[in-house]
Protein backbone atom coordinates (compact mmCIF):
# COMPACT_ATOMS: atom_id res chain seq x y z
CA UNK A 1 -33.99 -107.38 -27.77
CA UNK A 2 -33.35 -109.27 -31.01
CA UNK A 3 -31.02 -111.73 -32.27
CA UNK A 4 -30.43 -109.68 -35.62
CA UNK A 5 -26.96 -108.53 -35.89
CA UNK A 6 -27.40 -104.74 -36.73
CA UNK A 7 -26.74 -103.68 -40.20
CA UNK A 8 -23.95 -101.34 -41.37
CA UNK A 9 -24.33 -98.95 -44.06
CA UNK A 10 -22.87 -100.00 -46.86
CA UNK A 11 -19.49 -97.17 -47.60
CA UNK A 12 -20.07 -95.06 -50.24
CA UNK A 13 -18.37 -95.02 -52.87
CA UNK A 14 -18.17 -92.49 -55.49
CA UNK A 15 -18.98 -92.82 -58.92
CA UNK A 16 -15.92 -92.80 -61.52
CA UNK A 17 -15.22 -90.22 -63.57
CA UNK A 18 -15.30 -90.32 -67.10
CA UNK A 19 -11.81 -88.28 -67.65
CA UNK A 20 -9.16 -87.96 -65.15
CA UNK A 21 -8.81 -84.38 -63.08
CA UNK A 22 -6.89 -81.76 -64.38
CA UNK A 23 -3.93 -81.42 -62.11
CA UNK A 24 -3.68 -77.83 -60.58
CA UNK A 25 -0.99 -76.16 -59.15
CA UNK A 26 -1.34 -75.14 -55.79
CA UNK A 27 -0.54 -70.69 -55.49
CA UNK A 28 2.55 -70.70 -52.71
CA UNK A 29 1.62 -67.64 -50.34
CA UNK A 30 3.22 -65.23 -51.25
CA UNK A 31 5.64 -63.06 -48.78
CA UNK A 32 7.09 -59.80 -50.91
CA UNK A 33 7.94 -57.64 -47.81
CA UNK A 34 10.03 -60.61 -46.39
CA UNK A 35 11.52 -61.97 -49.16
CA UNK A 36 12.46 -58.35 -49.55
CA UNK A 37 13.85 -58.26 -45.88
CA UNK A 38 16.40 -61.47 -47.07
CA UNK A 39 17.06 -60.06 -49.59
CA UNK A 40 17.87 -56.81 -48.32
CA UNK A 41 19.78 -58.72 -45.40
CA UNK A 42 21.94 -60.80 -47.48
CA UNK A 43 23.24 -57.66 -49.73
CA UNK A 44 23.91 -56.18 -46.28
CA UNK A 45 25.91 -59.36 -45.06
CA UNK A 46 27.73 -59.54 -48.33
CA UNK A 47 28.59 -55.21 -48.17
CA UNK A 48 30.02 -55.36 -45.30
CA UNK A 49 32.01 -58.84 -45.42
CA UNK A 50 33.20 -57.86 -48.57
CA UNK A 51 34.54 -54.42 -47.07
CA UNK A 52 36.53 -56.37 -43.72
CA UNK A 53 37.72 -58.41 -46.03
CA UNK A 54 38.97 -55.38 -48.08
CA UNK A 55 40.51 -53.95 -44.94
CA UNK A 56 42.27 -57.06 -44.40
CA UNK A 57 44.11 -57.53 -47.36
CA UNK A 58 45.04 -53.78 -47.88
CA UNK A 59 47.23 -53.94 -44.63
CA UNK A 60 45.01 -53.46 -42.06
CA UNK A 61 44.10 -49.57 -43.25
CA UNK A 62 48.18 -48.86 -43.57
CA UNK A 63 48.18 -47.51 -46.71
CA UNK A 64 50.42 -47.76 -49.42
CA UNK A 65 53.68 -49.62 -47.93
CA UNK A 66 56.12 -47.70 -50.51
CA UNK A 67 55.65 -44.62 -48.17
CA UNK A 68 57.09 -47.10 -45.13
CA UNK A 69 60.50 -47.07 -46.70
CA UNK A 70 63.01 -44.04 -47.74
CA UNK A 71 66.23 -44.91 -49.42
CA UNK A 72 69.01 -42.10 -49.82
CA UNK A 73 72.39 -41.99 -50.47
CA UNK A 74 73.95 -43.85 -52.69
CA UNK A 75 78.13 -44.07 -54.01
CA UNK A 76 80.41 -46.50 -55.08
CA UNK A 77 83.14 -48.31 -52.79
CA UNK A 78 85.99 -50.13 -53.27
CA UNK A 79 87.02 -51.86 -49.84
CA UNK A 80 89.77 -54.09 -49.28
CA UNK A 81 89.48 -58.17 -48.11
CA UNK A 82 89.12 -57.50 -44.21
CA UNK A 83 90.29 -61.64 -43.97
CA UNK A 84 93.26 -61.00 -43.57
CA UNK A 85 95.10 -60.21 -40.60
CA UNK A 86 97.17 -57.13 -39.52
CA UNK A 87 100.51 -58.94 -40.45
CA UNK A 88 99.14 -61.39 -42.54
CA UNK A 89 100.29 -60.90 -47.14
CA UNK A 90 97.63 -61.90 -49.23
CA UNK A 91 97.75 -65.31 -51.51
CA UNK A 92 96.28 -65.70 -54.59
CA UNK A 93 98.01 -69.32 -55.03
CA UNK A 94 95.73 -71.54 -53.21
CA UNK A 95 93.32 -72.42 -55.61
CA UNK A 96 91.00 -73.67 -52.13
CA UNK A 97 90.70 -69.82 -50.07
CA UNK A 98 88.82 -66.73 -51.32
CA UNK A 99 90.91 -64.42 -53.67
CA UNK A 100 92.10 -62.45 -50.71
CA UNK A 101 94.01 -59.57 -52.91
CA UNK A 102 91.83 -58.11 -54.99
CA UNK A 103 89.19 -55.47 -54.09
CA UNK A 104 85.80 -55.73 -54.32
CA UNK A 105 83.56 -52.51 -55.63
CA UNK A 106 79.84 -52.21 -53.98
CA UNK A 107 77.52 -50.16 -55.16
CA UNK A 108 76.41 -48.50 -50.98
CA UNK A 109 73.19 -46.49 -49.87
CA UNK A 110 70.82 -46.30 -46.74
CA UNK A 111 67.67 -47.21 -46.65
CA UNK A 112 65.17 -46.41 -43.66
CA UNK A 113 61.88 -48.67 -42.42
CA UNK A 114 59.19 -46.67 -41.15
CA UNK A 115 56.38 -49.12 -39.26
CA UNK A 116 53.79 -46.49 -39.59
CA UNK A 117 50.60 -49.42 -39.29
CA UNK A 118 49.32 -50.27 -35.81
CA UNK A 119 50.58 -53.42 -35.24
CA UNK A 120 53.58 -54.91 -35.62
CA UNK A 121 55.14 -55.89 -39.31
CA UNK A 122 58.33 -57.58 -41.32
CA UNK A 123 59.13 -55.79 -44.58
CA UNK A 124 60.33 -57.29 -47.61
CA UNK A 125 61.49 -54.43 -50.20
CA UNK A 126 62.93 -54.99 -54.04
CA UNK A 127 64.95 -52.34 -55.04
CA UNK A 128 66.28 -51.96 -58.52
CA UNK A 129 69.43 -49.80 -59.50
CA UNK A 130 70.32 -47.49 -62.46
CA UNK A 131 73.04 -46.50 -64.41
CA UNK A 132 73.35 -42.72 -65.89
CA UNK A 133 70.26 -43.26 -68.61
CA UNK A 134 68.25 -44.66 -66.49
CA UNK A 135 68.29 -48.13 -67.94
CA UNK A 136 68.25 -50.94 -65.73
CA UNK A 137 71.02 -52.72 -63.88
CA UNK A 138 70.42 -54.88 -61.68
CA UNK A 139 68.29 -55.59 -58.09
CA UNK A 140 68.92 -56.84 -54.69
CA UNK A 141 66.54 -57.36 -51.00
CA UNK A 142 66.64 -56.28 -48.29
CA UNK A 143 64.23 -57.04 -44.99
CA UNK A 144 62.85 -55.34 -42.31
CA UNK A 145 61.47 -58.26 -39.39
CA UNK A 146 58.91 -57.80 -36.17
CA UNK A 147 58.83 -53.88 -36.83
CA UNK A 148 56.91 -52.02 -33.77
CA UNK A 149 54.58 -49.71 -34.97
CA UNK A 150 55.90 -46.55 -34.98
CA UNK A 151 59.28 -47.85 -34.96
CA UNK A 152 62.04 -47.54 -37.29
CA UNK A 153 64.82 -49.12 -39.33
CA UNK A 154 67.77 -47.90 -40.66
CA UNK A 155 71.19 -49.57 -42.00
CA UNK A 156 73.73 -49.50 -44.82
CA UNK A 157 72.83 -51.92 -47.66
CA UNK A 158 74.75 -53.08 -51.39
CA UNK A 159 74.55 -54.05 -54.66
CA UNK A 160 77.47 -56.14 -54.94
CA UNK A 161 79.04 -58.89 -56.44
CA UNK A 162 76.53 -61.45 -55.76
CA UNK A 163 73.42 -59.43 -56.27
CA UNK A 164 71.58 -59.71 -59.64
CA UNK A 165 72.55 -58.35 -62.56
CA UNK A 166 71.61 -59.60 -66.13
CA UNK A 167 74.29 -60.55 -67.88
CA UNK A 168 76.63 -57.89 -69.26
CA UNK A 169 75.35 -55.28 -65.73
CA UNK A 170 77.97 -54.29 -63.38
CA UNK A 171 78.09 -53.24 -60.24
CA UNK A 172 80.20 -50.40 -61.16
CA UNK A 173 77.54 -49.21 -63.73
CA UNK A 174 74.56 -47.90 -61.11
CA UNK A 175 73.95 -44.64 -60.50
CA UNK A 176 71.38 -44.56 -58.80
CA UNK A 177 68.36 -47.08 -56.52
CA UNK A 178 65.08 -46.72 -56.82
CA UNK A 179 62.09 -49.20 -54.44
CA UNK A 180 60.82 -51.10 -56.78
CA UNK A 181 58.39 -52.83 -54.39
CA UNK A 182 57.46 -53.68 -51.25
CA UNK A 183 55.51 -56.43 -49.43
CA UNK A 184 54.19 -55.23 -45.77
CA UNK A 185 52.76 -58.45 -43.48
CA UNK A 186 50.91 -57.49 -40.43
CA UNK A 187 52.24 -59.57 -37.11
CA UNK A 188 50.01 -60.65 -34.74
CA UNK A 189 51.96 -59.88 -31.89
């Protein structure tokens, strides 16, 4: 053996180019079949989601809630104050008490709400009143709460002095009533 150290070859350094190399973009692999499949799946998911949302917002497919409410009858009535006892006389001199001598006019009607959906629901109904010429006279509201599927609630309602009338409107001007709006809210239980 020799005492000489082994010689290592000198690393080869590439020559310096005269101009910098041009940048080239690596071309991505094209997978048109996979991209088309992803786009089709996304569109299908949006359509299904939109259809489910539309079904839920439409009241679970129960249709137009206006068809769930009927209003019939309707007449002007005058009632005496029923707060008086049998042997009590009316007295309008007491300024702190209710006017117990006057008769109150009201327009009474009969309403019926039928839950035609498949879940329990609450109903809020807006009812408009019209005069003989068909002009708007006033508005009132009624409701039916926790009505089970297929069940109905019928009752007598009325426009009275506490109903909403324009400044020149009065309960005695009412000739007919019509359902203006029905809000149906399905319940989870």
